[in-house]
Amino acid sequence: MKNKILFTVFFLYAISFFSCAGRNYSRYIPIPDGDFLGPEVMFDFGNITGTRDGVSGFNMPEWLFAYINGGNREIERMFSFSGKYAFVGFSEGNNLSAMTRWAENFSAERDFSILAATRIERRLINAAALYPDDEYGAFFERMVKTAYGTRYSGAVKEDTYWITVNYGSTPSETYVFFVLLSIDRTQMQAVVSNMISESVAAVTLTRTQHNSINRLRNNFFEGF
């Protein structure tokens, strides 16, 4: 089952990449010596060798401590993010100047969609008891493609920060840059709910698939 899910995700991701090739999404901004990292990849505090503000990892902002400890949801537990969803984009490389430009050019208007769509896609997969394409039928592909192609108005670029890490395989340090974005929780839920309705209306489904999607619709944001 896992292999089939991974194939499905890769296939849909490839569709999204080529259909959006003309857009300057953050994931595809060339970074010398670096690559965009997927969401929710945690770092071991023991690998952190420095930060933008000094050698001690304790100099990091509270939101980054929260993210490293528990991902986006840990940030959302902070009082300052009450009523918001948090999203973190990040990339790593050895060229400080290039990485700084990447973070500065990261745009909430242009680049938020890749973070939001990845989170939506992961929720669809995790909620499925069977293969997502079997459980949801054509809705799954339609929903994922729509998520990647949607512009989410209201996203805000909150902060950027960088740390240095050493993974132990080489003596050199690597810069890891983080960009924190947020969006109003109610606004995001309205966009996704509308996306679900439009995707359902655009495809042909069996009764069983309809029932699965209705269950998903009712509890989508509980695990989002």
C-alpha atoms as a PDB file:
ATOM      1  CA  MET A   1       0.000   0.000   0.000  1.00  0.00           C
ATOM      2  CA  LYS A   2       2.768   2.413   0.921  1.00  0.00           C
ATOM      3  CA  ASN A   3       4.449   2.037  -2.457  1.00  0.00           C
ATOM      4  CA  LYS A   4       1.226   2.746  -4.265  1.00  0.00           C
ATOM      5  CA  ILE A   5       0.578   5.851  -2.175  1.00  0.00           C
ATOM      6  CA  LEU A   6       4.087   7.132  -2.810  1.00  0.00           C
ATOM      7  CA  PHE A   7       3.678   6.527  -6.540  1.00  0.00           C
ATOM      8  CA  THR A   8       0.383   8.418  -6.527  1.00  0.00           C
ATOM      9  CA  VAL A   9       1.871  11.343  -4.664  1.00  0.00           C
ATOM     10  CA  PHE A  10       4.877  11.456  -6.995  1.00  0.00           C
ATOM     11  CA  PHE A  11       2.634  11.308 -10.045  1.00  0.00           C
ATOM     12  CA  LEU A  12       0.441  14.154  -8.835  1.00  0.00           C
ATOM     13  CA  TYR A  13       3.457  16.162  -7.768  1.00  0.00           C
ATOM     14  CA  ALA A  14       4.917  15.772 -11.264  1.00  0.00           C
ATOM     15  CA  ILE A  15       1.649  16.978 -12.783  1.00  0.00           C
ATOM     16  CA  SER A  16       1.701  19.992 -10.519  1.00  0.00           C
ATOM     17  CA  PHE A  17       5.322  20.759 -11.358  1.00  0.00           C
ATOM     18  CA  PHE A  18       4.876  20.803 -15.108  1.00  0.00           C
ATOM     19  CA  SER A  19       1.496  22.565 -15.033  1.00  0.00           C
ATOM     20  CA  CYS A  20       3.014  25.325 -12.869  1.00  0.00           C
ATOM     21  CA  ALA A  21       6.416  25.523 -14.552  1.00  0.00           C
ATOM     22  CA  GLY A  22       5.818  29.123 -15.594  1.00  0.00           C
ATOM     23  CA  ARG A  23       5.334  30.248 -12.005  1.00  0.00           C
ATOM     24  CA  ASN A  24       8.212  31.191  -9.748  1.00  0.00           C
ATOM     25  CA  TYR A  25       7.327  28.933  -6.824  1.00  0.00           C
ATOM     26  CA  SER A  26       9.832  28.903  -3.980  1.00  0.00           C
ATOM     27  CA  ARG A  27      10.459  25.181  -4.327  1.00  0.00           C
ATOM     28  CA  TYR A  28      11.961  25.755  -7.768  1.00  0.00           C
ATOM     29  CA  ILE A  29      14.057  28.855  -7.080  1.00  0.00           C
ATOM     30  CA  PRO A  30      17.621  27.761  -7.899  1.00  0.00           C
ATOM     31  CA  ILE A  31      19.903  27.887  -4.865  1.00  0.00           C
ATOM     32  CA  PRO A  32      23.631  27.233  -5.365  1.00  0.00           C
ATOM     33  CA  ASP A  33      24.685  24.235  -3.261  1.00  0.00           C
ATOM     34  CA  GLY A  34      21.207  23.850  -1.829  1.00  0.00           C
ATOM     35  CA  ASP A  35      17.793  22.281  -2.323  1.00  0.00           C
ATOM     36  CA  PHE A  36      14.345  22.985  -0.953  1.00  0.00           C
ATOM     37  CA  LEU A  37      13.428  20.667   1.892  1.00  0.00           C
ATOM     38  CA  GLY A  38       9.961  19.259   2.352  1.00  0.00           C
ATOM     39  CA  PRO A  39       7.700  20.394   5.176  1.00  0.00           C
ATOM     40  CA  GLU A  40       7.807  19.148   8.747  1.00  0.00           C
ATOM     41  CA  VAL A  41      11.365  17.796   8.599  1.00  0.00           C
ATOM     42  CA  MET A  42      12.624  18.021  12.159  1.00  0.00           C
ATOM     43  CA  PHE A  43      16.140  18.904  13.231  1.00  0.00           C
ATOM     44  CA  ASP A  44      18.040  17.463  16.160  1.00  0.00           C
ATOM     45  CA  PHE A  45      19.009  20.287  18.522  1.00  0.00           C
ATOM     46  CA  GLY A  46      22.337  18.518  18.944  1.00  0.00           C
ATOM     47  CA  ASN A  47      23.187  19.201  15.283  1.00  0.00           C
ATOM     48  CA  ILE A  48      22.694  22.971  15.595  1.00  0.00           C
ATOM     49  CA  THR A  49      26.077  24.701  15.728  1.00  0.00           C
ATOM     50  CA  GLY A  50      25.005  28.337  15.534  1.00  0.00           C
ATOM     51  CA  THR A  51      22.276  30.842  14.714  1.00  0.00           C
ATOM     52  CA  ARG A  52      21.912  34.193  13.028  1.00  0.00           C
ATOM     53  CA  ASP A  53      22.386  35.841  16.435  1.00  0.00           C
ATOM     54  CA  GLY A  54      25.289  33.831  17.787  1.00  0.00           C
ATOM     55  CA  VAL A  55      26.643  30.413  18.627  1.00  0.00           C
ATOM     56  CA  SER A  56      24.008  29.423  21.197  1.00  0.00           C
ATOM     57  CA  GLY A  57      20.880  27.756  19.928  1.00  0.00           C
ATOM     58  CA  PHE A  58      18.991  29.509  22.706  1.00  0.00           C
ATOM     59  CA  ASN A  59      19.092  32.679  20.585  1.00  0.00           C
ATOM     60  CA  MET A  60      16.462  31.265  18.256  1.00  0.00           C
ATOM     61  CA  PRO A  61      13.005  32.879  18.203  1.00  0.00           C
ATOM     62  CA  GLU A  62      10.229  31.079  20.072  1.00  0.00           C
ATOM     63  CA  TRP A  63       8.416  30.042  16.900  1.00  0.00           C
ATOM     64  CA  LEU A  64      11.499  28.240  15.585  1.00  0.00           C
ATOM     65  CA  PHE A  65      11.975  26.379  18.876  1.00  0.00           C
ATOM     66  CA  ALA A  66       8.337  25.320  18.567  1.00  0.00           C
ATOM     67  CA  TYR A  67       8.715  24.251  14.941  1.00  0.00           C
ATOM     68  CA  ILE A  68      11.802  22.131  15.579  1.00  0.00           C
ATOM     69  CA  ASN A  69      10.056  20.506  18.539  1.00  0.00           C
ATOM     70  CA  GLY A  70       6.749  19.737  16.867  1.00  0.00           C
ATOM     71  CA  GLY A  71       6.221  21.274  13.448  1.00  0.00           C
ATOM     72  CA  ASN A  72       3.523  23.709  12.381  1.00  0.00           C
ATOM     73  CA  ARG A  73       1.022  22.576  14.993  1.00  0.00           C
ATOM     74  CA  GLU A  74       3.426  23.353  17.819  1.00  0.00           C
ATOM     75  CA  ILE A  75       3.679  26.942  16.545  1.00  0.00           C
ATOM     76  CA  GLU A  76      -0.111  27.124  16.425  1.00  0.00           C
ATOM     77  CA  ARG A  77      -0.248  26.322  20.144  1.00  0.00           C
ATOM     78  CA  MET A  78       1.535  29.605  20.867  1.00  0.00           C
ATOM     79  CA  PHE A  79      -0.714  32.400  22.129  1.00  0.00           C
ATOM     80  CA  SER A  80       0.473  34.770  19.410  1.00  0.00           C
ATOM     81  CA  PHE A  81      -0.816  32.343  16.758  1.00  0.00           C
ATOM     82  CA  SER A  82      -4.260  31.886  18.231  1.00  0.00           C
ATOM     83  CA  GLY A  83      -6.774  31.794  15.383  1.00  0.00           C
ATOM     84  CA  LYS A  84      -4.074  31.227  12.753  1.00  0.00           C
ATOM     85  CA  TYR A  85      -2.492  28.402  10.819  1.00  0.00           C
ATOM     86  CA  ALA A  86       1.309  28.462  10.672  1.00  0.00           C
ATOM     87  CA  PHE A  87       3.403  27.296   7.736  1.00  0.00           C
ATOM     88  CA  VAL A  88       7.181  27.097   7.525  1.00  0.00           C
ATOM     89  CA  GLY A  89       9.172  26.896   4.327  1.00  0.00           C
ATOM     90  CA  PHE A  90      12.870  26.161   4.555  1.00  0.00           C
ATOM     91  CA  SER A  91      15.935  25.417   2.506  1.00  0.00           C
ATOM     92  CA  GLU A  92      19.567  24.568   3.167  1.00  0.00           C
ATOM     93  CA  GLY A  93      22.879  25.231   1.465  1.00  0.00           C
ATOM     94  CA  ASN A  94      26.447  26.418   1.931  1.00  0.00           C
ATOM     95  CA  ASN A  95      26.159  29.798   0.196  1.00  0.00           C
ATOM     96  CA  LEU A  96      25.009  32.374   2.765  1.00  0.00           C
ATOM     97  CA  SER A  97      24.449  35.123   0.205  1.00  0.00           C
ATOM     98  CA  ALA A  98      22.306  32.926  -2.058  1.00  0.00           C
ATOM     99  CA  MET A  99      20.320  31.581   0.869  1.00  0.00           C
ATOM    100  CA  THR A 100      19.703  35.114   2.152  1.00  0.00           C
ATOM    101  CA  ARG A 101      18.324  36.131  -1.246  1.00  0.00           C
ATOM    102  CA  TRP A 102      16.067  33.061  -1.242  1.00  0.00           C
ATOM    103  CA  ALA A 103      14.585  34.033   2.119  1.00  0.00           C
ATOM    104  CA  GLU A 104      14.208  37.689   1.138  1.00  0.00           C
ATOM    105  CA  ASN A 105      12.480  36.772  -2.132  1.00  0.00           C
ATOM    106  CA  PHE A 106      10.143  34.239  -0.532  1.00  0.00           C
ATOM    107  CA  SER A 107       6.720  35.758  -1.157  1.00  0.00           C
ATOM    108  CA  ALA A 108       3.533  35.038   0.746  1.00  0.00           C
ATOM    109  CA  GLU A 109       1.496  35.877  -2.341  1.00  0.00           C
ATOM    110  CA  ARG A 110       3.517  33.740  -4.730  1.00  0.00           C
ATOM    111  CA  ASP A 111       5.000  30.926  -2.652  1.00  0.00           C
ATOM    112  CA  PHE A 112       2.457  30.150   0.072  1.00  0.00           C
ATOM    113  CA  SER A 113       0.475  27.834  -2.199  1.00  0.00           C
ATOM    114  CA  ILE A 114       3.185  25.132  -2.277  1.00  0.00           C
ATOM    115  CA  LEU A 115       3.200  24.961   1.531  1.00  0.00           C
ATOM    116  CA  ALA A 116      -0.587  24.954   1.828  1.00  0.00           C
ATOM    117  CA  ALA A 117      -1.052  22.349  -0.908  1.00  0.00           C
ATOM    118  CA  THR A 118       1.540  20.023   0.599  1.00  0.00           C
ATOM    119  CA  ARG A 119      -0.274  20.155   3.930  1.00  0.00           C
ATOM    120  CA  ILE A 120      -3.643  19.549   2.269  1.00  0.00           C
ATOM    121  CA  GLU A 121      -2.257  16.595   0.304  1.00  0.00           C
ATOM    122  CA  ARG A 122      -0.762  15.060   3.440  1.00  0.00           C
ATOM    123  CA  ARG A 123      -4.120  15.395   5.228  1.00  0.00           C
ATOM    124  CA  LEU A 124      -5.913  13.592   2.391  1.00  0.00           C
ATOM    125  CA  ILE A 125      -3.441  10.723   2.503  1.00  0.00           C
ATOM    126  CA  ASN A 126      -3.471  10.391   6.291  1.00  0.00           C
ATOM    127  CA  ALA A 127      -7.263  10.416   6.433  1.00  0.00           C
ATOM    128  CA  ALA A 128      -7.637   7.605   3.898  1.00  0.00           C
ATOM    129  CA  ALA A 129      -8.207   4.089   5.237  1.00  0.00           C
ATOM    130  CA  LEU A 130      -7.449   2.659   1.759  1.00  0.00           C
ATOM    131  CA  TYR A 131      -5.364   3.936  -1.122  1.00  0.00           C
ATOM    132  CA  PRO A 132      -6.364   7.614  -1.562  1.00  0.00           C
ATOM    133  CA  ASP A 133      -7.131   7.183  -5.258  1.00  0.00           C
ATOM    134  CA  ASP A 134      -9.381   4.206  -4.455  1.00  0.00           C
ATOM    135  CA  GLU A 135     -11.102   5.718  -1.442  1.00  0.00           C
ATOM    136  CA  TYR A 136     -11.717   9.130  -2.991  1.00  0.00           C
ATOM    137  CA  GLY A 137     -11.701   8.220  -6.677  1.00  0.00           C
ATOM    138  CA  ALA A 138     -11.031  11.030  -9.152  1.00  0.00           C
ATOM    139  CA  PHE A 139     -11.644  13.540  -6.362  1.00  0.00           C
ATOM    140  CA  PHE A 140      -8.186  12.885  -4.920  1.00  0.00           C
ATOM    141  CA  GLU A 141      -6.249  13.917  -8.027  1.00  0.00           C
ATOM    142  CA  ARG A 142      -8.590  16.826  -8.693  1.00  0.00           C
ATOM    143  CA  MET A 143      -8.297  18.122  -5.121  1.00  0.00           C
ATOM    144  CA  VAL A 144      -4.501  17.909  -5.057  1.00  0.00           C
ATOM    145  CA  LYS A 145      -4.108  19.656  -8.417  1.00  0.00           C
ATOM    146  CA  THR A 146      -6.529  22.372  -7.317  1.00  0.00           C
ATOM    147  CA  ALA A 147      -4.671  22.842  -4.042  1.00  0.00           C
ATOM    148  CA  TYR A 148      -1.357  23.392  -5.823  1.00  0.00           C
ATOM    149  CA  GLY A 149      -2.912  25.764  -8.341  1.00  0.00           C
ATOM    150  CA  THR A 150      -4.831  27.945  -5.874  1.00  0.00           C
ATOM    151  CA  ARG A 151      -3.731  31.399  -4.735  1.00  0.00           C
ATOM    152  CA  TYR A 152      -4.468  31.746  -1.020  1.00  0.00           C
ATOM    153  CA  SER A 153      -5.170  35.411  -0.316  1.00  0.00           C
ATOM    154  CA  GLY A 154      -4.509  36.583   3.203  1.00  0.00           C
ATOM    155  CA  ALA A 155      -1.243  34.726   3.821  1.00  0.00           C
ATOM    156  CA  VAL A 156       1.321  36.803   5.701  1.00  0.00           C
ATOM    157  CA  LYS A 157       5.100  36.469   5.811  1.00  0.00           C
ATOM    158  CA  GLU A 158       5.789  36.729   9.537  1.00  0.00           C
ATOM    159  CA  ASP A 159       9.534  36.201   9.948  1.00  0.00           C
ATOM    160  CA  THR A 160      12.716  34.643   8.583  1.00  0.00           C
ATOM    161  CA  TYR A 161      15.627  33.121  10.456  1.00  0.00           C
ATOM    162  CA  TRP A 162      18.646  30.930   9.857  1.00  0.00           C
ATOM    163  CA  ILE A 163      20.744  28.452  11.780  1.00  0.00           C
ATOM    164  CA  THR A 164      23.847  26.436  11.005  1.00  0.00           C
ATOM    165  CA  VAL A 165      23.924  22.667  11.413  1.00  0.00           C
ATOM    166  CA  ASN A 166      26.477  19.926  11.151  1.00  0.00           C
ATOM    167  CA  TYR A 167      25.068  16.531  10.251  1.00  0.00           C
ATOM    168  CA  GLY A 168      28.280  14.738  11.169  1.00  0.00           C
ATOM    169  CA  SER A 169      29.080  13.314   7.738  1.00  0.00           C
ATOM    170  CA  THR A 170      31.417  16.208   6.875  1.00  0.00           C
ATOM    171  CA  PRO A 171      33.294  18.803   8.938  1.00  0.00           C
ATOM    172  CA  SER A 172      31.560  21.672   7.119  1.00  0.00           C
ATOM    173  CA  GLU A 173      28.504  23.507   8.415  1.00  0.00           C
ATOM    174  CA  THR A 174      25.289  23.972   6.466  1.00  0.00           C
ATOM    175  CA  TYR A 175      23.007  27.008   6.573  1.00  0.00           C
ATOM    176  CA  VAL A 176      19.332  26.256   7.061  1.00  0.00           C
ATOM    177  CA  PHE A 177      16.964  29.171   6.367  1.00  0.00           C
ATOM    178  CA  PHE A 178      13.372  29.226   7.629  1.00  0.00           C
ATOM    179  CA  VAL A 179      10.482  31.401   6.488  1.00  0.00           C
ATOM    180  CA  LEU A 180       7.422  31.606   8.731  1.00  0.00           C
ATOM    181  CA  LEU A 181       4.032  32.383   7.205  1.00  0.00           C
ATOM    182  CA  SER A 182       0.545  32.496   8.669  1.00  0.00           C
ATOM    183  CA  ILE A 183      -3.043  32.752   7.530  1.00  0.00           C
ATOM    184  CA  ASP A 184      -6.284  33.329   9.388  1.00  0.00           C
ATOM    185  CA  ARG A 185      -7.732  29.978  10.404  1.00  0.00           C
ATOM    186  CA  THR A 186     -11.312  30.819   9.384  1.00  0.00           C
ATOM    187  CA  GLN A 187     -10.185  32.146   6.022  1.00  0.00           C
ATOM    188  CA  MET A 188      -8.085  29.074   5.265  1.00  0.00           C
ATOM    189  CA  GLN A 189     -10.910  26.738   6.225  1.00  0.00           C
ATOM    190  CA  ALA A 190     -13.300  28.599   3.919  1.00  0.00           C
ATOM    191  CA  VAL A 191     -10.885  28.274   0.988  1.00  0.00           C
ATOM    192  CA  VAL A 192     -10.336  24.547   1.555  1.00  0.00           C
ATOM    193  CA  SER A 193     -14.050  23.829   2.107  1.00  0.00           C
ATOM    194  CA  ASN A 194     -14.865  25.557  -1.163  1.00  0.00           C
ATOM    195  CA  MET A 195     -12.066  23.612  -2.841  1.00  0.00           C
ATOM    196  CA  ILE A 196     -13.586  20.338  -1.642  1.00  0.00           C
ATOM    197  CA  SER A 197     -17.042  21.294  -2.947  1.00  0.00           C
ATOM    198  CA  GLU A 198     -15.701  22.337  -6.341  1.00  0.00           C
ATOM    199  CA  SER A 199     -13.586  19.188  -6.666  1.00  0.00           C
ATOM    200  CA  VAL A 200     -16.534  16.937  -5.818  1.00  0.00           C
ATOM    201  CA  ALA A 201     -18.717  18.693  -8.383  1.00  0.00           C
ATOM    202  CA  ALA A 202     -16.080  18.326 -11.097  1.00  0.00           C
ATOM    203  CA  VAL A 203     -15.719  14.530 -11.021  1.00  0.00           C
ATOM    204  CA  THR A 204     -17.830  11.378 -11.167  1.00  0.00           C
ATOM    205  CA  LEU A 205     -17.842   9.316  -7.973  1.00  0.00           C
ATOM    206  CA  THR A 206     -19.365   6.126  -6.650  1.00  0.00           C
ATOM    207  CA  ARG A 207     -21.703   6.200  -3.663  1.00  0.00           C
ATOM    208  CA  THR A 208     -18.946   4.725  -1.478  1.00  0.00           C
ATOM    209  CA  GLN A 209     -16.479   7.394  -2.579  1.00  0.00           C
ATOM    210  CA  HIS A 210     -19.079  10.105  -1.909  1.00  0.00           C
ATOM    211  CA  ASN A 211     -19.531   8.754   1.607  1.00  0.00           C
ATOM    212  CA  SER A 212     -15.771   8.748   2.224  1.00  0.00           C
ATOM    213  CA  ILE A 213     -15.459  12.338   1.025  1.00  0.00           C
ATOM    214  CA  ASN A 214     -18.383  13.432   3.205  1.00  0.00           C
ATOM    215  CA  ARG A 215     -16.627  11.936   6.233  1.00  0.00           C
ATOM    216  CA  LEU A 216     -13.454  13.728   5.198  1.00  0.00           C
ATOM    217  CA  ARG A 217     -15.361  16.997   4.796  1.00  0.00           C
ATOM    218  CA  ASN A 218     -16.789  16.721   8.309  1.00  0.00           C
ATOM    219  CA  ASN A 219     -13.455  16.217  10.064  1.00  0.00           C
ATOM    220  CA  PHE A 220     -10.842  17.525   7.623  1.00  0.00           C
ATOM    221  CA  PHE A 221      -9.507  20.220   9.942  1.00  0.00           C
ATOM    222  CA  GLU A 222      -9.273  17.994  13.001  1.00  0.00           C
ATOM    223  CA  GLY A 223      -6.041  16.514  11.680  1.00  0.00           C
ATOM    224  CA  PHE A 224      -4.972  19.387   9.456  1.00  0.00           C
END
